[in-house]
């Protein structure tokens, strides 16, 4: 796995016919996320909460050239086994095309650097070439913009009675983005 040098990687991807895909993971809590909103002067909006901390965990990946997005909802925690399941069952089938490898750009989550993960990348190099982002630079990951967009449209200033209500809202938004990639294209322009 090489350190990220995106301009050269872009040139290599173009000459090879590969696609550039950014991967990331996010947790969405049932507890409302408060965000700036309009309100009558002197009257702060109140959002109810159940005081429960149910968290929905999502792996996501976005293809840079056409804004295709795919995701996997987890019942378990983020770990190397669930990450490899996402790669094998969701990401590779969604983005790999014969003779058009995936240039996967990922952050430095601990399970990305596990020996088992390295071995998987070595064994699947004909499908996926992986690049690490520099540590502590989430702004270099295009998928982070998808998470911010999702929070703005789904979780900010919203109450969810049950964990399944949050899941349903997330899945509706993700499915909408998958059917209307133009919704997130503008978010990806800084990465071209």
N, C-alpha and C. Protein backbone atom coordinates (compact mmCIF):
# COMPACT_ATOMS: atom_id res chain seq x y z
N UNK A 1 0.84 -1.18 0.00
CA UNK A 1 0.00 0.00 0.00
C UNK A 1 0.89 1.23 0.00
N UNK A 2 0.58 2.13 -0.89
CA UNK A 2 1.39 3.31 -1.01
C UNK A 2 0.77 4.50 -0.31
N UNK A 3 1.60 5.46 0.03
CA UNK A 3 1.09 6.72 0.56
C UNK A 3 0.40 7.45 -0.57
N UNK A 4 -0.53 8.26 -0.24
CA UNK A 4 -1.34 8.95 -1.24
C UNK A 4 -0.56 10.08 -1.90
N UNK A 5 -0.48 10.02 -3.20
CA UNK A 5 0.00 11.14 -4.00
C UNK A 5 -1.03 11.25 -5.11
N UNK A 6 -2.11 11.96 -4.84
CA UNK A 6 -3.29 11.94 -5.68
C UNK A 6 -3.07 12.36 -7.12
N UNK A 7 -2.34 13.44 -7.40
CA UNK A 7 -2.18 13.79 -8.82
C UNK A 7 -1.59 12.65 -9.65
N UNK A 8 -0.54 11.99 -9.12
CA UNK A 8 0.04 10.87 -9.85
C UNK A 8 -0.93 9.70 -9.90
N UNK A 9 -1.65 9.47 -8.81
CA UNK A 9 -2.64 8.38 -8.77
C UNK A 9 -3.74 8.62 -9.80
N UNK A 10 -4.17 9.87 -9.93
CA UNK A 10 -5.19 10.20 -10.93
C UNK A 10 -4.68 9.91 -12.33
N UNK A 11 -3.43 10.29 -12.60
CA UNK A 11 -2.86 10.02 -13.92
C UNK A 11 -2.78 8.53 -14.18
N UNK A 12 -2.31 7.78 -13.17
CA UNK A 12 -2.22 6.33 -13.31
C UNK A 12 -3.60 5.71 -13.51
N UNK A 13 -4.59 6.17 -12.75
CA UNK A 13 -5.95 5.64 -12.88
C UNK A 13 -6.48 5.90 -14.29
N UNK A 14 -6.24 7.10 -14.79
CA UNK A 14 -6.73 7.45 -16.13
C UNK A 14 -6.06 6.59 -17.20
N UNK A 15 -4.75 6.43 -17.11
CA UNK A 15 -4.04 5.65 -18.13
C UNK A 15 -4.43 4.17 -18.06
N UNK A 16 -4.74 3.69 -16.87
CA UNK A 16 -5.11 2.29 -16.69
C UNK A 16 -6.60 2.03 -16.94
N UNK A 17 -7.40 3.09 -16.91
CA UNK A 17 -8.85 2.92 -17.02
C UNK A 17 -9.47 2.53 -15.69
N UNK A 18 -8.76 2.80 -14.60
CA UNK A 18 -9.26 2.48 -13.26
C UNK A 18 -10.22 3.58 -12.80
N UNK A 19 -10.98 3.26 -11.77
CA UNK A 19 -11.89 4.24 -11.17
C UNK A 19 -11.37 4.58 -9.78
N UNK A 20 -11.51 5.83 -9.40
CA UNK A 20 -11.08 6.29 -8.08
C UNK A 20 -12.28 6.26 -7.15
N UNK A 21 -12.12 5.57 -6.03
CA UNK A 21 -13.20 5.41 -5.05
C UNK A 21 -12.67 5.80 -3.68
N UNK A 22 -13.42 6.64 -2.99
CA UNK A 22 -13.10 7.01 -1.61
C UNK A 22 -13.99 6.19 -0.68
N UNK A 23 -13.40 5.67 0.39
CA UNK A 23 -14.13 4.88 1.38
C UNK A 23 -14.01 5.53 2.74
N UNK A 24 -15.07 5.41 3.53
CA UNK A 24 -15.04 5.89 4.91
C UNK A 24 -16.17 5.22 5.67
N UNK A 25 -16.18 5.42 6.96
CA UNK A 25 -17.22 4.88 7.81
C UNK A 25 -17.73 6.00 8.71
N UNK A 26 -18.98 5.87 9.13
CA UNK A 26 -19.57 6.89 9.98
C UNK A 26 -20.55 6.26 10.94
N UNK A 27 -20.72 6.91 12.07
CA UNK A 27 -21.71 6.51 13.06
C UNK A 27 -22.76 7.61 13.17
N UNK A 28 -24.02 7.21 13.13
CA UNK A 28 -25.13 8.16 13.25
C UNK A 28 -25.91 7.80 14.52
N UNK A 29 -25.97 8.72 15.46
CA UNK A 29 -26.62 8.46 16.73
C UNK A 29 -28.08 8.84 16.70
N UNK A 30 -28.87 8.10 17.48
CA UNK A 30 -30.30 8.40 17.59
C UNK A 30 -30.52 9.72 18.31
N UNK A 31 -29.60 10.08 19.19
CA UNK A 31 -29.68 11.37 19.88
C UNK A 31 -29.58 12.48 18.84
N UNK A 32 -30.46 13.46 18.87
CA UNK A 32 -30.44 14.51 17.84
C UNK A 32 -29.12 15.28 17.82
N UNK A 33 -28.70 15.66 16.63
CA UNK A 33 -27.55 16.55 16.49
C UNK A 33 -28.09 17.95 16.27
N UNK A 34 -27.77 18.84 17.18
CA UNK A 34 -28.26 20.21 17.08
C UNK A 34 -27.39 20.98 16.11
N UNK A 35 -28.06 21.80 15.30
CA UNK A 35 -27.36 22.57 14.29
C UNK A 35 -28.07 23.90 14.13
N UNK A 36 -27.35 24.84 13.57
CA UNK A 36 -27.93 26.18 13.37
C UNK A 36 -29.24 26.10 12.60
N UNK A 37 -30.22 26.85 13.06
CA UNK A 37 -31.52 26.89 12.40
C UNK A 37 -32.18 28.24 12.68
N UNK A 38 -33.22 28.52 11.96
CA UNK A 38 -33.97 29.76 12.17
C UNK A 38 -34.91 29.58 13.36
N UNK A 39 -35.05 30.64 14.14
CA UNK A 39 -35.97 30.61 15.27
C UNK A 39 -36.37 32.04 15.61
N UNK A 40 -37.48 32.15 16.30
CA UNK A 40 -37.92 33.45 16.77
C UNK A 40 -36.89 33.98 17.76
N UNK A 41 -36.58 35.26 17.68
CA UNK A 41 -35.57 35.85 18.54
C UNK A 41 -35.92 35.60 20.01
N UNK A 42 -34.92 35.13 20.76
CA UNK A 42 -35.10 34.87 22.18
C UNK A 42 -35.78 33.54 22.49
N UNK A 43 -36.04 32.75 21.46
CA UNK A 43 -36.71 31.46 21.67
C UNK A 43 -35.87 30.36 21.02
N UNK A 44 -35.12 29.65 21.83
CA UNK A 44 -34.27 28.58 21.31
C UNK A 44 -35.13 27.35 20.98
N UNK A 45 -34.99 26.80 19.79
CA UNK A 45 -35.75 25.60 19.44
C UNK A 45 -35.39 24.44 20.36
N UNK A 46 -36.38 23.65 20.72
CA UNK A 46 -36.18 22.48 21.57
C UNK A 46 -36.44 21.23 20.74
N UNK A 47 -35.54 20.28 20.85
CA UNK A 47 -35.71 19.01 20.15
C UNK A 47 -35.76 17.91 21.21
N UNK A 48 -36.83 17.14 21.21
CA UNK A 48 -36.93 16.09 22.24
C UNK A 48 -35.86 15.02 22.04
N UNK A 49 -35.60 14.30 23.09
CA UNK A 49 -34.67 13.18 23.01
C UNK A 49 -35.12 12.10 23.99
N UNK A 50 -34.82 10.88 23.66
CA UNK A 50 -35.16 9.77 24.55
C UNK A 50 -34.02 9.48 25.51
N UNK A 51 -32.89 10.12 25.32
CA UNK A 51 -31.75 9.90 26.19
C UNK A 51 -31.03 8.59 25.91
N UNK A 52 -31.41 7.92 24.84
CA UNK A 52 -30.76 6.67 24.48
C UNK A 52 -29.69 6.95 23.44
N UNK A 53 -28.65 6.13 23.46
CA UNK A 53 -27.52 6.40 22.59
C UNK A 53 -27.37 5.34 21.51
N UNK A 54 -28.46 4.90 20.93
CA UNK A 54 -28.37 3.92 19.85
C UNK A 54 -27.61 4.54 18.68
N UNK A 55 -26.66 3.79 18.15
CA UNK A 55 -25.82 4.28 17.07
C UNK A 55 -25.92 3.33 15.88
N UNK A 56 -26.08 3.91 14.70
CA UNK A 56 -26.11 3.14 13.46
C UNK A 56 -24.76 3.33 12.78
N UNK A 57 -24.13 2.23 12.44
CA UNK A 57 -22.80 2.27 11.84
C UNK A 57 -22.90 1.96 10.34
N UNK A 58 -22.25 2.79 9.55
CA UNK A 58 -22.34 2.69 8.09
C UNK A 58 -20.94 2.74 7.48
N UNK A 59 -20.64 1.77 6.61
CA UNK A 59 -19.50 1.87 5.71
C UNK A 59 -20.03 2.49 4.42
N UNK A 60 -19.28 3.39 3.82
CA UNK A 60 -19.71 3.99 2.57
C UNK A 60 -18.55 4.19 1.62
N UNK A 61 -18.86 4.22 0.34
CA UNK A 61 -17.85 4.47 -0.69
C UNK A 61 -18.49 5.26 -1.82
N UNK A 62 -17.74 6.19 -2.37
CA UNK A 62 -18.23 7.00 -3.47
C UNK A 62 -17.20 7.00 -4.60
N UNK A 63 -17.71 6.79 -5.80
CA UNK A 63 -16.86 6.81 -6.99
C UNK A 63 -16.74 8.25 -7.45
N UNK A 64 -15.53 8.68 -7.67
CA UNK A 64 -15.26 10.09 -7.93
C UNK A 64 -15.81 10.59 -9.26
N UNK A 65 -15.70 9.82 -10.33
CA UNK A 65 -16.05 10.36 -11.65
C UNK A 65 -17.54 10.44 -11.94
N UNK A 66 -18.36 9.62 -11.26
CA UNK A 66 -19.80 9.69 -11.56
C UNK A 66 -20.68 9.79 -10.32
N UNK A 67 -20.09 9.98 -9.16
CA UNK A 67 -20.80 10.16 -7.89
C UNK A 67 -21.65 8.95 -7.50
N UNK A 68 -21.30 7.76 -7.99
CA UNK A 68 -22.00 6.55 -7.54
C UNK A 68 -21.64 6.31 -6.08
N UNK A 69 -22.65 6.00 -5.29
CA UNK A 69 -22.46 5.81 -3.85
C UNK A 69 -23.00 4.44 -3.46
N UNK A 70 -22.28 3.76 -2.58
CA UNK A 70 -22.76 2.50 -2.05
C UNK A 70 -22.44 2.46 -0.56
N UNK A 71 -23.19 1.63 0.17
CA UNK A 71 -23.01 1.60 1.62
C UNK A 71 -23.38 0.24 2.18
N UNK A 72 -22.99 0.03 3.43
CA UNK A 72 -23.36 -1.17 4.18
C UNK A 72 -23.66 -0.76 5.60
N UNK A 73 -24.85 -1.11 6.07
CA UNK A 73 -25.25 -0.86 7.45
C UNK A 73 -24.78 -2.02 8.30
N UNK A 74 -24.18 -1.72 9.44
CA UNK A 74 -23.64 -2.75 10.33
C UNK A 74 -24.49 -2.93 11.57
N UNK A 75 -24.62 -4.15 12.01
CA UNK A 75 -25.18 -4.44 13.32
C UNK A 75 -24.04 -4.52 14.34
N UNK A 76 -22.84 -4.84 13.85
CA UNK A 76 -21.67 -5.00 14.70
C UNK A 76 -20.85 -3.71 14.70
N UNK A 77 -19.71 -3.78 15.32
CA UNK A 77 -18.81 -2.63 15.35
C UNK A 77 -17.89 -2.66 14.13
N UNK A 78 -17.21 -1.53 13.92
CA UNK A 78 -16.23 -1.46 12.85
C UNK A 78 -15.02 -2.31 13.25
N UNK A 79 -14.65 -3.25 12.42
CA UNK A 79 -13.48 -4.08 12.65
C UNK A 79 -13.04 -4.66 11.32
N UNK A 80 -11.90 -5.31 11.30
CA UNK A 80 -11.37 -5.77 10.02
C UNK A 80 -12.31 -6.75 9.33
N UNK A 81 -13.00 -7.61 10.09
CA UNK A 81 -13.91 -8.58 9.47
C UNK A 81 -15.07 -7.89 8.76
N UNK A 82 -15.65 -6.89 9.41
CA UNK A 82 -16.78 -6.19 8.79
C UNK A 82 -16.30 -5.33 7.62
N UNK A 83 -15.08 -4.79 7.73
CA UNK A 83 -14.53 -4.01 6.63
C UNK A 83 -14.31 -4.88 5.40
N UNK A 84 -13.73 -6.04 5.58
CA UNK A 84 -13.52 -6.94 4.45
C UNK A 84 -14.84 -7.42 3.87
N UNK A 85 -15.85 -7.63 4.72
CA UNK A 85 -17.18 -7.99 4.21
C UNK A 85 -17.73 -6.87 3.33
N UNK A 86 -17.55 -5.62 3.74
CA UNK A 86 -17.99 -4.49 2.93
C UNK A 86 -17.26 -4.46 1.59
N UNK A 87 -15.95 -4.64 1.63
CA UNK A 87 -15.18 -4.62 0.38
C UNK A 87 -15.62 -5.73 -0.56
N UNK A 88 -15.72 -6.95 -0.05
CA UNK A 88 -16.05 -8.11 -0.89
C UNK A 88 -17.49 -8.12 -1.38
N UNK A 89 -18.42 -7.82 -0.50
CA UNK A 89 -19.84 -7.99 -0.81
C UNK A 89 -20.50 -6.76 -1.41
N UNK A 90 -19.93 -5.58 -1.16
CA UNK A 90 -20.60 -4.35 -1.59
C UNK A 90 -19.72 -3.53 -2.54
N UNK A 91 -18.54 -3.14 -2.08
CA UNK A 91 -17.76 -2.18 -2.85
C UNK A 91 -17.21 -2.75 -4.16
N UNK A 92 -16.53 -3.89 -4.10
CA UNK A 92 -15.97 -4.45 -5.33
C UNK A 92 -17.07 -4.78 -6.35
N UNK A 93 -18.17 -5.45 -5.96
CA UNK A 93 -19.23 -5.69 -6.95
C UNK A 93 -19.83 -4.40 -7.52
N UNK A 94 -19.88 -3.35 -6.72
CA UNK A 94 -20.48 -2.09 -7.20
C UNK A 94 -19.58 -1.35 -8.17
N UNK A 95 -18.26 -1.38 -7.97
CA UNK A 95 -17.38 -0.51 -8.72
C UNK A 95 -16.40 -1.20 -9.67
N UNK A 96 -16.10 -2.46 -9.45
CA UNK A 96 -15.12 -3.12 -10.31
C UNK A 96 -15.77 -3.53 -11.63
N UNK A 97 -15.07 -3.25 -12.70
CA UNK A 97 -15.46 -3.72 -14.03
C UNK A 97 -14.24 -4.39 -14.63
N UNK A 98 -14.47 -5.40 -15.40
CA UNK A 98 -13.37 -6.18 -15.97
C UNK A 98 -12.31 -5.26 -16.59
N UNK A 99 -11.09 -5.48 -16.19
CA UNK A 99 -9.92 -4.71 -16.64
C UNK A 99 -9.94 -3.24 -16.23
N UNK A 100 -10.78 -2.89 -15.27
CA UNK A 100 -10.85 -1.51 -14.76
C UNK A 100 -10.80 -1.57 -13.24
N UNK A 101 -9.58 -1.62 -12.71
CA UNK A 101 -9.42 -1.74 -11.27
C UNK A 101 -9.98 -0.55 -10.52
N UNK A 102 -10.12 -0.76 -9.23
CA UNK A 102 -10.55 0.29 -8.30
C UNK A 102 -9.30 0.84 -7.64
N UNK A 103 -9.12 2.15 -7.69
CA UNK A 103 -8.11 2.82 -6.89
C UNK A 103 -8.84 3.29 -5.63
N UNK A 104 -8.67 2.53 -4.57
CA UNK A 104 -9.37 2.78 -3.31
C UNK A 104 -8.55 3.69 -2.41
N UNK A 105 -9.16 4.79 -2.01
CA UNK A 105 -8.50 5.74 -1.12
C UNK A 105 -9.20 5.65 0.23
N UNK A 106 -8.42 5.32 1.26
CA UNK A 106 -9.00 5.10 2.58
C UNK A 106 -8.19 5.86 3.64
N UNK A 107 -8.82 6.04 4.80
CA UNK A 107 -8.14 6.71 5.90
C UNK A 107 -7.32 5.71 6.71
N UNK A 108 -6.90 6.11 7.86
CA UNK A 108 -6.00 5.29 8.67
C UNK A 108 -6.68 4.64 9.86
N UNK A 109 -7.91 4.20 9.69
CA UNK A 109 -8.58 3.47 10.77
C UNK A 109 -7.73 2.25 11.13
N UNK A 110 -7.74 1.87 12.37
CA UNK A 110 -6.86 0.80 12.83
C UNK A 110 -7.09 -0.51 12.08
N UNK A 111 -8.34 -0.84 11.75
CA UNK A 111 -8.61 -2.09 11.05
C UNK A 111 -8.21 -2.04 9.58
N UNK A 112 -7.97 -0.86 9.04
CA UNK A 112 -7.43 -0.75 7.68
C UNK A 112 -5.98 -1.22 7.63
N UNK A 113 -5.32 -1.20 8.78
CA UNK A 113 -3.90 -1.53 8.84
C UNK A 113 -3.64 -2.88 9.49
N UNK A 114 -4.66 -3.66 9.71
CA UNK A 114 -4.49 -5.00 10.29
C UNK A 114 -3.83 -5.92 9.26
N UNK A 115 -3.11 -6.91 9.74
CA UNK A 115 -2.43 -7.86 8.88
C UNK A 115 -3.41 -8.55 7.94
N UNK A 116 -4.58 -8.91 8.45
CA UNK A 116 -5.60 -9.59 7.64
C UNK A 116 -6.07 -8.70 6.49
N UNK A 117 -6.18 -7.41 6.76
CA UNK A 117 -6.60 -6.47 5.72
C UNK A 117 -5.51 -6.35 4.65
N UNK A 118 -4.25 -6.23 5.08
CA UNK A 118 -3.14 -6.19 4.13
C UNK A 118 -3.13 -7.44 3.25
N UNK A 119 -3.34 -8.58 3.87
CA UNK A 119 -3.34 -9.83 3.11
C UNK A 119 -4.47 -9.85 2.09
N UNK A 120 -5.65 -9.33 2.48
CA UNK A 120 -6.78 -9.29 1.53
C UNK A 120 -6.42 -8.39 0.34
N UNK A 121 -5.85 -7.23 0.60
CA UNK A 121 -5.47 -6.33 -0.49
C UNK A 121 -4.41 -6.97 -1.39
N UNK A 122 -3.46 -7.67 -0.80
CA UNK A 122 -2.44 -8.36 -1.59
C UNK A 122 -3.08 -9.41 -2.49
N UNK A 123 -4.00 -10.19 -1.95
CA UNK A 123 -4.65 -11.26 -2.70
C UNK A 123 -5.60 -10.73 -3.78
N UNK A 124 -6.10 -9.52 -3.62
CA UNK A 124 -7.09 -8.96 -4.55
C UNK A 124 -6.56 -7.77 -5.33
N UNK A 125 -5.27 -7.71 -5.50
CA UNK A 125 -4.65 -6.57 -6.18
C UNK A 125 -5.11 -6.42 -7.63
N UNK A 126 -5.56 -7.50 -8.24
CA UNK A 126 -6.04 -7.37 -9.63
C UNK A 126 -7.36 -6.60 -9.70
N UNK A 127 -8.06 -6.47 -8.55
CA UNK A 127 -9.32 -5.72 -8.50
C UNK A 127 -9.14 -4.34 -7.86
N UNK A 128 -8.30 -4.29 -6.83
CA UNK A 128 -8.22 -3.09 -6.00
C UNK A 128 -6.77 -2.72 -5.72
N UNK A 129 -6.44 -1.46 -5.97
CA UNK A 129 -5.16 -0.88 -5.55
C UNK A 129 -5.50 0.13 -4.47
N UNK A 130 -4.88 0.00 -3.30
CA UNK A 130 -5.27 0.83 -2.16
C UNK A 130 -4.24 1.92 -1.90
N UNK A 131 -4.74 3.09 -1.48
CA UNK A 131 -3.91 4.24 -1.14
C UNK A 131 -4.39 4.77 0.21
N UNK A 132 -3.43 5.09 1.07
CA UNK A 132 -3.74 5.63 2.40
C UNK A 132 -3.73 7.15 2.36
N UNK A 133 -4.72 7.75 2.99
CA UNK A 133 -4.69 9.19 3.20
C UNK A 133 -3.70 9.50 4.32
N UNK A 134 -3.17 10.71 4.36
CA UNK A 134 -2.32 11.07 5.49
C UNK A 134 -3.12 11.03 6.79
N UNK A 135 -2.50 10.71 7.90
CA UNK A 135 -3.22 10.66 9.18
C UNK A 135 -3.83 12.02 9.54
N UNK A 136 -5.02 11.96 10.12
CA UNK A 136 -5.71 13.14 10.67
C UNK A 136 -6.04 14.20 9.61
N UNK A 137 -6.38 13.77 8.42
CA UNK A 137 -6.78 14.69 7.36
C UNK A 137 -8.12 14.25 6.78
N UNK A 138 -9.19 14.26 7.57
CA UNK A 138 -10.48 13.80 7.05
C UNK A 138 -11.00 14.65 5.88
N UNK A 139 -10.55 15.90 5.81
CA UNK A 139 -11.01 16.77 4.72
C UNK A 139 -10.51 16.32 3.36
N UNK A 140 -9.55 15.39 3.33
CA UNK A 140 -9.07 14.85 2.06
C UNK A 140 -9.90 13.65 1.59
N UNK A 141 -10.87 13.24 2.38
CA UNK A 141 -11.69 12.08 2.03
C UNK A 141 -13.05 12.55 1.51
N UNK A 142 -13.34 12.27 0.27
CA UNK A 142 -14.60 12.72 -0.35
C UNK A 142 -15.82 12.15 0.36
N UNK A 143 -15.72 10.97 0.93
CA UNK A 143 -16.87 10.36 1.59
C UNK A 143 -17.27 11.15 2.83
N UNK A 144 -16.33 11.84 3.46
CA UNK A 144 -16.68 12.69 4.60
C UNK A 144 -17.72 13.74 4.21
N UNK A 145 -17.65 14.22 2.98
CA UNK A 145 -18.65 15.19 2.51
C UNK A 145 -20.04 14.57 2.39
N UNK A 146 -20.07 13.28 2.06
CA UNK A 146 -21.36 12.58 2.00
C UNK A 146 -21.95 12.46 3.40
N UNK A 147 -21.11 12.18 4.39
CA UNK A 147 -21.60 12.08 5.76
C UNK A 147 -22.12 13.44 6.24
N UNK A 148 -21.41 14.52 5.95
CA UNK A 148 -21.89 15.85 6.34
C UNK A 148 -23.22 16.17 5.68
N UNK A 149 -23.32 15.87 4.40
CA UNK A 149 -24.57 16.06 3.66
C UNK A 149 -25.69 15.25 4.32
N UNK A 150 -25.42 14.01 4.68
CA UNK A 150 -26.43 13.15 5.30
C UNK A 150 -26.87 13.71 6.64
N UNK A 151 -25.94 14.15 7.43
CA UNK A 151 -26.32 14.73 8.73
C UNK A 151 -27.20 15.96 8.53
N UNK A 152 -26.84 16.79 7.57
CA UNK A 152 -27.62 18.01 7.31
C UNK A 152 -29.05 17.67 6.89
N UNK A 153 -29.21 16.63 6.06
CA UNK A 153 -30.53 16.31 5.53
C UNK A 153 -31.30 15.28 6.35
N UNK A 154 -30.63 14.57 7.24
CA UNK A 154 -31.31 13.49 7.96
C UNK A 154 -31.33 13.68 9.47
N UNK A 155 -30.20 13.99 10.08
CA UNK A 155 -30.15 13.93 11.54
C UNK A 155 -30.16 15.27 12.25
N UNK A 156 -29.68 16.34 11.62
CA UNK A 156 -29.65 17.62 12.31
C UNK A 156 -31.06 18.08 12.69
N UNK A 157 -31.21 18.42 13.97
CA UNK A 157 -32.45 19.00 14.49
C UNK A 157 -33.68 18.10 14.28
N UNK A 158 -33.46 16.79 14.29
CA UNK A 158 -34.57 15.86 14.09
C UNK A 158 -34.61 14.83 15.21
N UNK A 159 -35.81 14.48 15.61
CA UNK A 159 -36.02 13.50 16.66
C UNK A 159 -36.45 12.17 16.04
N UNK A 160 -35.85 11.08 16.52
CA UNK A 160 -36.22 9.74 16.08
C UNK A 160 -36.67 8.95 17.30
N UNK A 161 -37.92 8.55 17.29
CA UNK A 161 -38.52 7.83 18.42
C UNK A 161 -37.82 6.49 18.66
N UNK A 162 -37.52 5.78 17.58
CA UNK A 162 -36.93 4.44 17.67
C UNK A 162 -35.69 4.35 16.78
N UNK A 163 -34.76 3.45 17.11
CA UNK A 163 -33.59 3.28 16.25
C UNK A 163 -33.97 2.97 14.80
N UNK A 164 -35.03 2.20 14.60
CA UNK A 164 -35.44 1.86 13.24
C UNK A 164 -35.89 3.09 12.46
N UNK A 165 -36.44 4.09 13.15
CA UNK A 165 -36.83 5.34 12.48
C UNK A 165 -35.59 6.04 11.91
N UNK A 166 -34.51 6.05 12.69
CA UNK A 166 -33.26 6.63 12.20
C UNK A 166 -32.74 5.84 11.01
N UNK A 167 -32.74 4.51 11.13
CA UNK A 167 -32.28 3.66 10.02
C UNK A 167 -33.08 3.95 8.75
N UNK A 168 -34.40 3.99 8.88
CA UNK A 168 -35.25 4.24 7.71
C UNK A 168 -34.93 5.58 7.07
N UNK A 169 -34.72 6.61 7.88
CA UNK A 169 -34.40 7.93 7.34
C UNK A 169 -33.05 7.91 6.63
N UNK A 170 -32.07 7.25 7.23
CA UNK A 170 -30.75 7.14 6.58
C UNK A 170 -30.85 6.39 5.26
N UNK A 171 -31.52 5.26 5.27
CA UNK A 171 -31.61 4.44 4.05
C UNK A 171 -32.36 5.17 2.94
N UNK A 172 -33.42 5.91 3.30
CA UNK A 172 -34.14 6.69 2.28
C UNK A 172 -33.21 7.71 1.62
N UNK A 173 -32.41 8.40 2.44
CA UNK A 173 -31.50 9.41 1.89
C UNK A 173 -30.42 8.76 1.05
N UNK A 174 -29.84 7.65 1.52
CA UNK A 174 -28.81 6.96 0.75
C UNK A 174 -29.37 6.45 -0.57
N UNK A 175 -30.57 5.89 -0.54
CA UNK A 175 -31.18 5.40 -1.78
C UNK A 175 -31.50 6.55 -2.73
N UNK A 176 -31.92 7.68 -2.18
CA UNK A 176 -32.17 8.86 -3.02
C UNK A 176 -30.88 9.29 -3.72
N UNK A 177 -29.78 9.33 -2.97
CA UNK A 177 -28.49 9.73 -3.54
C UNK A 177 -28.04 8.73 -4.60
N UNK A 178 -28.31 7.46 -4.37
CA UNK A 178 -27.93 6.44 -5.35
C UNK A 178 -28.73 6.61 -6.64
N UNK A 179 -29.99 6.99 -6.52
CA UNK A 179 -30.82 7.17 -7.71
C UNK A 179 -30.61 8.53 -8.36
N UNK A 180 -30.11 9.50 -7.61
CA UNK A 180 -29.88 10.86 -8.10
C UNK A 180 -28.46 11.31 -7.75
N UNK A 181 -27.45 10.73 -8.40
CA UNK A 181 -26.06 11.08 -8.05
C UNK A 181 -25.74 12.56 -8.26
N UNK A 182 -26.50 13.23 -9.09
CA UNK A 182 -26.27 14.66 -9.29
C UNK A 182 -26.46 15.45 -7.99
N UNK A 183 -27.17 14.87 -7.04
CA UNK A 183 -27.39 15.51 -5.74
C UNK A 183 -26.07 15.73 -4.99
N UNK A 184 -25.09 14.85 -5.21
CA UNK A 184 -23.82 14.96 -4.49
C UNK A 184 -22.63 15.29 -5.38
N UNK A 185 -22.84 15.41 -6.68
CA UNK A 185 -21.73 15.70 -7.60
C UNK A 185 -20.95 16.94 -7.19
N UNK A 186 -21.66 17.99 -6.82
CA UNK A 186 -21.00 19.24 -6.43
C UNK A 186 -20.09 19.08 -5.22
N UNK A 187 -20.42 18.14 -4.35
CA UNK A 187 -19.59 17.90 -3.18
C UNK A 187 -18.23 17.30 -3.55
N UNK A 188 -18.18 16.65 -4.70
CA UNK A 188 -16.97 15.93 -5.11
C UNK A 188 -16.03 16.75 -5.98
N UNK A 189 -16.48 17.90 -6.47
CA UNK A 189 -15.66 18.70 -7.40
C UNK A 189 -14.28 19.06 -6.87
N UNK A 190 -14.11 19.36 -5.59
CA UNK A 190 -12.75 19.68 -5.13
C UNK A 190 -11.77 18.52 -5.25
N UNK A 191 -12.26 17.30 -5.49
CA UNK A 191 -11.39 16.14 -5.55
C UNK A 191 -10.99 15.76 -6.97
N UNK A 192 -11.51 16.48 -7.96
CA UNK A 192 -11.17 16.17 -9.35
C UNK A 192 -9.77 16.61 -9.69
